Amino acid sequence: MFSGCATVYNPATGRQEVIFINSASEAIIGKSAASQISEKYKLIDSGKDFDRLNEIGSRIAAVSDRQDIEYRFYIIDDEKLNAFTIPGGYVYMFKGLYDNLDDDELAAVIAHEIGHVAARHIVKKMQASLGYQVLSTIALIVYTKGADDDKKKQAGYVAYAGATAFNLAMLGYSRKDEFQADELSVKYTSSAGFDPRGMIGALEKLKNQEKKGIPVPYILRSHPYIDQRITRLEELIENKK
């Protein structure tokens, strides 16, 4: 019923993992979430900023441990200092953060978000939040056309799953997941030819903005947490030399 539920090796985490939501189902959920985001926010999906984001994003995506989805990159025309990803490889950067980052820092933040995708962090959160009926119904969409009544039910479940995915993404991740995405950021930026210290620069800028009283994402509002991430990143980069 879960259309491909299996224990698989995840190269991003280096572990065997049970995945209920396969890539086809994830794409359906991501498309729904992306549609809801486009209604909620004004997106910048053309122009030089969009081109810069996609040029850097494409370089990072090309070295990701996960190549079974199509990555897409968008700028949200909002001054918040944040970025997030939803299922299916959609990566969003708020303009407030985008405008504050140089190329290496932008690459690092994108790599961090792609790290969440590759490690399937958002998928695992959804598996813990969505019920069996929702997951199994979405899984069946991939393989069945269904009658009109079935289509209406399926559309309702997909919309619910999409909204859940967006809400979970905005709530942020556990420290363990954030540390792992930082590690993947170092890996991917290095492989794509960027300075892996870009993530340190981005975190330092967020820290400095908070000192000025500018709101930062909730999960980053603890200075020791940012400091711990910076320390771990410095150790990772030093060990790679």
C-alpha atoms as a PDB file:
ATOM      1  CA  MET A   1       0.000   0.000   0.000  1.00  0.00           C
ATOM      2  CA  PHE A   2       2.884   2.407   0.597  1.00  0.00           C
ATOM      3  CA  SER A   3       4.058   1.907  -2.985  1.00  0.00           C
ATOM      4  CA  GLY A   4       7.672   1.089  -2.465  1.00  0.00           C
ATOM      5  CA  CYS A   5       8.042   1.100   1.327  1.00  0.00           C
ATOM      6  CA  ALA A   6      11.439  -0.404   1.855  1.00  0.00           C
ATOM      7  CA  THR A   7      14.608  -0.365   3.864  1.00  0.00           C
ATOM      8  CA  VAL A   8      17.137   1.382   1.661  1.00  0.00           C
ATOM      9  CA  TYR A   9      20.678   2.612   2.003  1.00  0.00           C
ATOM     10  CA  ASN A  10      20.846   6.410   2.090  1.00  0.00           C
ATOM     11  CA  PRO A  11      24.287   7.622   0.938  1.00  0.00           C
ATOM     12  CA  ALA A  12      23.651  11.078   2.438  1.00  0.00           C
ATOM     13  CA  THR A  13      23.311   9.661   5.957  1.00  0.00           C
ATOM     14  CA  GLY A  14      25.356   6.484   5.528  1.00  0.00           C
ATOM     15  CA  ARG A  15      22.569   4.404   7.073  1.00  0.00           C
ATOM     16  CA  GLN A  16      19.895   1.885   6.158  1.00  0.00           C
ATOM     17  CA  GLU A  17      16.527   3.641   6.526  1.00  0.00           C
ATOM     18  CA  VAL A  18      12.853   2.733   6.243  1.00  0.00           C
ATOM     19  CA  ILE A  19      11.217   5.042   3.703  1.00  0.00           C
ATOM     20  CA  PHE A  20       7.413   4.977   3.347  1.00  0.00           C
ATOM     21  CA  ILE A  21       7.189   7.889   0.891  1.00  0.00           C
ATOM     22  CA  ASN A  22       8.851   7.001  -2.384  1.00  0.00           C
ATOM     23  CA  SER A  23      10.109   9.614  -4.847  1.00  0.00           C
ATOM     24  CA  ALA A  24       6.955   9.588  -6.999  1.00  0.00           C
ATOM     25  CA  SER A  25       4.719  10.204  -3.989  1.00  0.00           C
ATOM     26  CA  GLU A  26       7.129  12.830  -2.680  1.00  0.00           C
ATOM     27  CA  ALA A  27       6.913  14.671  -6.012  1.00  0.00           C
ATOM     28  CA  ILE A  28       3.107  14.763  -5.792  1.00  0.00           C
ATOM     29  CA  ILE A  29       3.220  16.175  -2.265  1.00  0.00           C
ATOM     30  CA  GLY A  30       5.922  18.683  -3.222  1.00  0.00           C
ATOM     31  CA  LYS A  31       3.936  19.951  -6.206  1.00  0.00           C
ATOM     32  CA  SER A  32       0.930  20.567  -3.967  1.00  0.00           C
ATOM     33  CA  ALA A  33       3.028  22.345  -1.337  1.00  0.00           C
ATOM     34  CA  ALA A  34       4.707  24.464  -4.030  1.00  0.00           C
ATOM     35  CA  SER A  35       1.311  25.521  -5.359  1.00  0.00           C
ATOM     36  CA  GLN A  36       0.234  26.602  -1.877  1.00  0.00           C
ATOM     37  CA  ILE A  37       3.490  28.527  -1.374  1.00  0.00           C
ATOM     38  CA  SER A  38       3.009  30.377  -4.670  1.00  0.00           C
ATOM     39  CA  GLU A  39      -0.404  31.502  -3.426  1.00  0.00           C
ATOM     40  CA  LYS A  40       0.956  32.604  -0.053  1.00  0.00           C
ATOM     41  CA  TYR A  41       4.097  34.429  -1.240  1.00  0.00           C
ATOM     42  CA  LYS A  42       5.204  36.522  -4.179  1.00  0.00           C
ATOM     43  CA  LEU A  43       7.944  34.587  -5.945  1.00  0.00           C
ATOM     44  CA  ILE A  44      10.824  35.990  -7.972  1.00  0.00           C
ATOM     45  CA  ASP A  45      11.102  33.450 -10.776  1.00  0.00           C
ATOM     46  CA  SER A  46      12.962  35.437 -13.429  1.00  0.00           C
ATOM     47  CA  GLY A  47      15.689  38.063 -13.715  1.00  0.00           C
ATOM     48  CA  LYS A  48      19.327  38.241 -12.651  1.00  0.00           C
ATOM     49  CA  ASP A  49      18.750  37.252  -9.016  1.00  0.00           C
ATOM     50  CA  PHE A  50      16.751  34.204 -10.083  1.00  0.00           C
ATOM     51  CA  ASP A  51      19.406  33.305 -12.649  1.00  0.00           C
ATOM     52  CA  ARG A  52      22.194  33.627 -10.053  1.00  0.00           C
ATOM     53  CA  LEU A  53      20.307  31.429  -7.582  1.00  0.00           C
ATOM     54  CA  ASN A  54      19.669  28.759 -10.194  1.00  0.00           C
ATOM     55  CA  GLU A  55      23.203  28.794 -11.586  1.00  0.00           C
ATOM     56  CA  ILE A  56      24.659  28.205  -8.126  1.00  0.00           C
ATOM     57  CA  GLY A  57      21.855  25.851  -7.147  1.00  0.00           C
ATOM     58  CA  SER A  58      22.367  23.705 -10.250  1.00  0.00           C
ATOM     59  CA  ARG A  59      26.068  23.302  -9.443  1.00  0.00           C
ATOM     60  CA  ILE A  60      25.235  22.110  -5.936  1.00  0.00           C
ATOM     61  CA  ALA A  61      22.390  19.846  -7.103  1.00  0.00           C
ATOM     62  CA  ALA A  62      24.733  18.143  -9.560  1.00  0.00           C
ATOM     63  CA  VAL A  63      26.891  16.812  -6.710  1.00  0.00           C
ATOM     64  CA  SER A  64      24.059  15.919  -4.335  1.00  0.00           C
ATOM     65  CA  ASP A  65      23.841  12.358  -3.021  1.00  0.00           C
ATOM     66  CA  ARG A  66      20.277  12.300  -4.284  1.00  0.00           C
ATOM     67  CA  GLN A  67      19.703  12.425  -8.034  1.00  0.00           C
ATOM     68  CA  ASP A  68      16.238  10.858  -8.354  1.00  0.00           C
ATOM     69  CA  ILE A  69      14.374  14.178  -8.198  1.00  0.00           C
ATOM     70  CA  GLU A  70      14.505  17.498 -10.049  1.00  0.00           C
ATOM     71  CA  TYR A  71      15.721  20.388  -7.902  1.00  0.00           C
ATOM     72  CA  ARG A  72      13.990  23.752  -8.303  1.00  0.00           C
ATOM     73  CA  PHE A  73      15.051  27.083  -6.807  1.00  0.00           C
ATOM     74  CA  TYR A  74      12.960  30.163  -6.076  1.00  0.00           C
ATOM     75  CA  ILE A  75      13.347  33.500  -4.303  1.00  0.00           C
ATOM     76  CA  ILE A  76      10.513  34.666  -2.052  1.00  0.00           C
ATOM     77  CA  ASP A  77      10.083  38.441  -2.287  1.00  0.00           C
ATOM     78  CA  ASP A  78      10.135  38.968   1.467  1.00  0.00           C
ATOM     79  CA  GLU A  79      12.788  40.497   3.730  1.00  0.00           C
ATOM     80  CA  LYS A  80      12.885  37.580   6.176  1.00  0.00           C
ATOM     81  CA  LEU A  81      16.275  35.991   6.845  1.00  0.00           C
ATOM     82  CA  ASN A  82      15.343  32.425   6.056  1.00  0.00           C
ATOM     83  CA  ALA A  83      15.480  29.566   3.564  1.00  0.00           C
ATOM     84  CA  PHE A  84      13.668  26.240   3.464  1.00  0.00           C
ATOM     85  CA  THR A  85      12.944  23.210   1.332  1.00  0.00           C
ATOM     86  CA  ILE A  86       9.822  21.131   0.811  1.00  0.00           C
ATOM     87  CA  PRO A  87       9.426  17.582  -0.545  1.00  0.00           C
ATOM     88  CA  GLY A  88      10.310  17.005  -4.158  1.00  0.00           C
ATOM     89  CA  GLY A  89      13.441  19.159  -4.266  1.00  0.00           C
ATOM     90  CA  TYR A  90      11.897  22.643  -4.077  1.00  0.00           C
ATOM     91  CA  VAL A  91      14.308  25.093  -2.424  1.00  0.00           C
ATOM     92  CA  TYR A  92      13.152  28.576  -1.379  1.00  0.00           C
ATOM     93  CA  MET A  93      15.318  31.523  -0.387  1.00  0.00           C
ATOM     94  CA  PHE A  94      13.812  34.645   1.177  1.00  0.00           C
ATOM     95  CA  LYS A  95      15.152  37.798  -0.484  1.00  0.00           C
ATOM     96  CA  GLY A  96      16.195  39.227   2.872  1.00  0.00           C
ATOM     97  CA  LEU A  97      18.669  36.386   3.264  1.00  0.00           C
ATOM     98  CA  TYR A  98      19.585  36.186  -0.425  1.00  0.00           C
ATOM     99  CA  ASP A  99      20.638  39.857  -0.520  1.00  0.00           C
ATOM    100  CA  ASN A 100      23.008  39.358   2.422  1.00  0.00           C
ATOM    101  CA  LEU A 101      25.005  36.443   0.979  1.00  0.00           C
ATOM    102  CA  ASP A 102      28.009  36.312  -1.327  1.00  0.00           C
ATOM    103  CA  ASP A 103      28.319  33.434  -3.803  1.00  0.00           C
ATOM    104  CA  ASP A 104      30.112  31.033  -1.434  1.00  0.00           C
ATOM    105  CA  GLU A 105      27.614  31.741   1.367  1.00  0.00           C
ATOM    106  CA  LEU A 106      24.663  31.385  -0.984  1.00  0.00           C
ATOM    107  CA  ALA A 107      26.071  28.091  -2.269  1.00  0.00           C
ATOM    108  CA  ALA A 108      26.504  26.864   1.312  1.00  0.00           C
ATOM    109  CA  VAL A 109      22.929  27.692   2.319  1.00  0.00           C
ATOM    110  CA  ILE A 110      21.586  26.030  -0.829  1.00  0.00           C
ATOM    111  CA  ALA A 111      23.799  23.007  -0.108  1.00  0.00           C
ATOM    112  CA  HIS A 112      22.457  22.895   3.448  1.00  0.00           C
ATOM    113  CA  GLU A 113      18.882  22.821   2.146  1.00  0.00           C
ATOM    114  CA  ILE A 114      19.733  20.217  -0.487  1.00  0.00           C
ATOM    115  CA  GLY A 115      21.335  18.264   2.339  1.00  0.00           C
ATOM    116  CA  HIS A 116      17.927  18.114   4.035  1.00  0.00           C
ATOM    117  CA  VAL A 117      16.489  16.759   0.766  1.00  0.00           C
ATOM    118  CA  ALA A 118      19.222  14.180   0.260  1.00  0.00           C
ATOM    119  CA  ALA A 119      19.016  12.971   3.857  1.00  0.00           C
ATOM    120  CA  ARG A 120      15.216  12.864   3.475  1.00  0.00           C
ATOM    121  CA  HIS A 121      14.735  14.840   6.682  1.00  0.00           C
ATOM    122  CA  ILE A 122      11.425  16.371   5.582  1.00  0.00           C
ATOM    123  CA  VAL A 123      10.157  12.986   4.323  1.00  0.00           C
ATOM    124  CA  LYS A 124      10.922  11.375   7.673  1.00  0.00           C
ATOM    125  CA  LYS A 125       9.098  14.164   9.495  1.00  0.00           C
ATOM    126  CA  MET A 126       6.099  13.660   7.248  1.00  0.00           C
ATOM    127  CA  GLN A 127       6.118   9.917   7.828  1.00  0.00           C
ATOM    128  CA  ALA A 128       5.836  10.628  11.546  1.00  0.00           C
ATOM    129  CA  SER A 129       3.043  13.191  11.092  1.00  0.00           C
ATOM    130  CA  LEU A 130       0.776  11.855   8.339  1.00  0.00           C
ATOM    131  CA  GLY A 131      -1.521   8.916   8.968  1.00  0.00           C
ATOM    132  CA  TYR A 132      -1.581   5.591   7.127  1.00  0.00           C
ATOM    133  CA  GLN A 133      -4.700   6.507   5.138  1.00  0.00           C
ATOM    134  CA  VAL A 134      -3.159   9.708   3.774  1.00  0.00           C
ATOM    135  CA  LEU A 135       0.126   8.070   2.816  1.00  0.00           C
ATOM    136  CA  SER A 136      -1.460   5.014   1.227  1.00  0.00           C
ATOM    137  CA  THR A 137      -3.950   7.107  -0.779  1.00  0.00           C
ATOM    138  CA  ILE A 138      -1.173   9.315  -2.157  1.00  0.00           C
ATOM    139  CA  ALA A 139       0.872   6.232  -3.009  1.00  0.00           C
ATOM    140  CA  LEU A 140      -2.037   4.829  -5.049  1.00  0.00           C
ATOM    141  CA  ILE A 141      -2.283   7.999  -7.171  1.00  0.00           C
ATOM    142  CA  VAL A 142       0.950   7.074  -8.905  1.00  0.00           C
ATOM    143  CA  TYR A 143      -0.516   3.805 -10.207  1.00  0.00           C
ATOM    144  CA  THR A 144      -4.281   4.321 -10.522  1.00  0.00           C
ATOM    145  CA  LYS A 145      -6.478   6.730 -12.433  1.00  0.00           C
ATOM    146  CA  GLY A 146      -9.462   6.285 -10.130  1.00  0.00           C
ATOM    147  CA  ALA A 147     -13.091   7.325 -10.438  1.00  0.00           C
ATOM    148  CA  ASP A 148     -14.206  10.926  -9.962  1.00  0.00           C
ATOM    149  CA  ASP A 149     -15.073  10.378  -6.298  1.00  0.00           C
ATOM    150  CA  ASP A 150     -11.681   8.769  -5.724  1.00  0.00           C
ATOM    151  CA  LYS A 151      -9.965  11.692  -7.437  1.00  0.00           C
ATOM    152  CA  LYS A 152     -11.703  14.170  -5.130  1.00  0.00           C
ATOM    153  CA  LYS A 153     -10.630  12.201  -2.075  1.00  0.00           C
ATOM    154  CA  GLN A 154      -7.094  11.897  -3.395  1.00  0.00           C
ATOM    155  CA  ALA A 155      -6.907  15.624  -4.140  1.00  0.00           C
ATOM    156  CA  GLY A 156      -7.991  16.382  -0.586  1.00  0.00           C
ATOM    157  CA  TYR A 157      -5.324  14.143   0.887  1.00  0.00           C
ATOM    158  CA  VAL A 158      -2.645  15.591  -1.392  1.00  0.00           C
ATOM    159  CA  ALA A 159      -3.589  19.146  -0.414  1.00  0.00           C
ATOM    160  CA  TYR A 160      -3.493  18.173   3.262  1.00  0.00           C
ATOM    161  CA  ALA A 161      -0.107  16.504   2.842  1.00  0.00           C
ATOM    162  CA  GLY A 162       1.217  19.546   0.980  1.00  0.00           C
ATOM    163  CA  ALA A 163       0.094  21.911   3.729  1.00  0.00           C
ATOM    164  CA  THR A 164       1.613  19.606   6.344  1.00  0.00           C
ATOM    165  CA  ALA A 165       4.900  19.525   4.457  1.00  0.00           C
ATOM    166  CA  PHE A 166       5.055  23.326   4.312  1.00  0.00           C
ATOM    167  CA  ASN A 167       4.232  23.701   8.013  1.00  0.00           C
ATOM    168  CA  LEU A 168       6.850  21.129   8.998  1.00  0.00           C
ATOM    169  CA  ALA A 169       9.476  22.865   6.848  1.00  0.00           C
ATOM    170  CA  MET A 170       8.772  26.229   8.458  1.00  0.00           C
ATOM    171  CA  LEU A 171       9.025  24.746  11.949  1.00  0.00           C
ATOM    172  CA  GLY A 172      12.622  23.771  11.241  1.00  0.00           C
ATOM    173  CA  TYR A 173      14.559  20.628  12.093  1.00  0.00           C
ATOM    174  CA  SER A 174      16.130  19.005  15.089  1.00  0.00           C
ATOM    175  CA  ARG A 175      19.684  19.942  16.003  1.00  0.00           C
ATOM    176  CA  LYS A 176      20.818  16.523  14.810  1.00  0.00           C
ATOM    177  CA  ASP A 177      19.293  17.123  11.380  1.00  0.00           C
ATOM    178  CA  GLU A 178      20.725  20.635  11.173  1.00  0.00           C
ATOM    179  CA  PHE A 179      24.209  19.396  12.065  1.00  0.00           C
ATOM    180  CA  GLN A 180      23.915  16.691   9.418  1.00  0.00           C
ATOM    181  CA  ALA A 181      22.776  19.205   6.783  1.00  0.00           C
ATOM    182  CA  ASP A 182      25.768  21.374   7.736  1.00  0.00           C
ATOM    183  CA  GLU A 183      28.070  18.395   7.149  1.00  0.00           C
ATOM    184  CA  LEU A 184      26.493  17.813   3.741  1.00  0.00           C
ATOM    185  CA  SER A 185      26.853  21.519   2.973  1.00  0.00           C
ATOM    186  CA  VAL A 186      30.610  21.215   3.483  1.00  0.00           C
ATOM    187  CA  LYS A 187      30.671  18.093   1.301  1.00  0.00           C
ATOM    188  CA  TYR A 188      28.602  19.548  -1.546  1.00  0.00           C
ATOM    189  CA  THR A 189      30.179  23.017  -1.657  1.00  0.00           C
ATOM    190  CA  SER A 190      33.652  21.480  -1.732  1.00  0.00           C
ATOM    191  CA  SER A 191      32.657  19.106  -4.530  1.00  0.00           C
ATOM    192  CA  ALA A 192      31.055  21.940  -6.541  1.00  0.00           C
ATOM    193  CA  GLY A 193      34.096  24.202  -6.273  1.00  0.00           C
ATOM    194  CA  PHE A 194      32.870  26.655  -3.646  1.00  0.00           C
ATOM    195  CA  ASP A 195      34.495  27.632  -0.346  1.00  0.00           C
ATOM    196  CA  PRO A 196      32.979  25.324   2.327  1.00  0.00           C
ATOM    197  CA  ARG A 197      33.482  28.105   4.880  1.00  0.00           C
ATOM    198  CA  GLY A 198      30.537  29.824   3.233  1.00  0.00           C
ATOM    199  CA  MET A 199      28.153  28.255   5.774  1.00  0.00           C
ATOM    200  CA  ILE A 200      30.193  29.755   8.607  1.00  0.00           C
ATOM    201  CA  GLY A 201      29.947  33.152   6.937  1.00  0.00           C
ATOM    202  CA  ALA A 202      26.185  32.806   6.525  1.00  0.00           C
ATOM    203  CA  LEU A 203      25.702  31.812  10.176  1.00  0.00           C
ATOM    204  CA  GLU A 204      27.908  34.682  11.346  1.00  0.00           C
ATOM    205  CA  LYS A 205      25.780  37.110   9.352  1.00  0.00           C
ATOM    206  CA  LEU A 206      22.583  35.713  10.881  1.00  0.00           C
ATOM    207  CA  LYS A 207      24.129  36.053  14.313  1.00  0.00           C
ATOM    208  CA  ASN A 208      25.109  39.676  13.642  1.00  0.00           C
ATOM    209  CA  GLN A 209      21.652  40.497  12.290  1.00  0.00           C
ATOM    210  CA  GLU A 210      20.061  39.149  15.458  1.00  0.00           C
ATOM    211  CA  LYS A 211      22.335  41.375  17.525  1.00  0.00           C
ATOM    212  CA  LYS A 212      20.854  44.320  15.628  1.00  0.00           C
ATOM    213  CA  GLY A 213      17.365  43.198  16.617  1.00  0.00           C
ATOM    214  CA  ILE A 214      16.462  41.797  13.186  1.00  0.00           C
ATOM    215  CA  PRO A 215      14.385  38.598  13.569  1.00  0.00           C
ATOM    216  CA  VAL A 216      15.989  35.345  12.449  1.00  0.00           C
ATOM    217  CA  PRO A 217      14.344  31.912  12.086  1.00  0.00           C
ATOM    218  CA  TYR A 218      13.074  30.534  15.373  1.00  0.00           C
ATOM    219  CA  ILE A 219      15.410  27.548  15.395  1.00  0.00           C
ATOM    220  CA  LEU A 220      18.420  29.914  15.181  1.00  0.00           C
ATOM    221  CA  ARG A 221      17.427  32.187  18.056  1.00  0.00           C
ATOM    222  CA  SER A 222      19.770  30.555  20.532  1.00  0.00           C
ATOM    223  CA  HIS A 223      23.270  31.992  20.250  1.00  0.00           C
ATOM    224  CA  PRO A 224      24.940  28.892  21.717  1.00  0.00           C
ATOM    225  CA  TYR A 225      23.252  26.830  19.005  1.00  0.00           C
ATOM    226  CA  ILE A 226      24.697  29.001  16.226  1.00  0.00           C
ATOM    227  CA  ASP A 227      28.051  28.952  17.968  1.00  0.00           C
ATOM    228  CA  GLN A 228      27.937  25.160  18.230  1.00  0.00           C
ATOM    229  CA  ARG A 229      27.226  24.861  14.517  1.00  0.00           C
ATOM    230  CA  ILE A 230      30.084  27.196  13.655  1.00  0.00           C
ATOM    231  CA  THR A 231      32.472  25.241  15.881  1.00  0.00           C
ATOM    232  CA  ARG A 232      31.435  21.931  14.323  1.00  0.00           C
ATOM    233  CA  LEU A 233      31.798  23.362  10.822  1.00  0.00           C
ATOM    234  CA  GLU A 234      35.297  24.643  11.582  1.00  0.00           C
ATOM    235  CA  GLU A 235      36.266  21.191  12.854  1.00  0.00           C
ATOM    236  CA  LEU A 236      34.800  19.490   9.779  1.00  0.00           C
ATOM    237  CA  ILE A 237      36.607  21.802   7.381  1.00  0.00           C
ATOM    238  CA  GLU A 238      39.892  21.472   9.273  1.00  0.00           C
ATOM    239  CA  ASN A 239      39.636  17.668   9.199  1.00  0.00           C
ATOM    240  CA  LYS A 240      39.101  17.707   5.417  1.00  0.00           C
ATOM    241  CA  LYS A 241      42.452  19.440   4.811  1.00  0.00           C
END
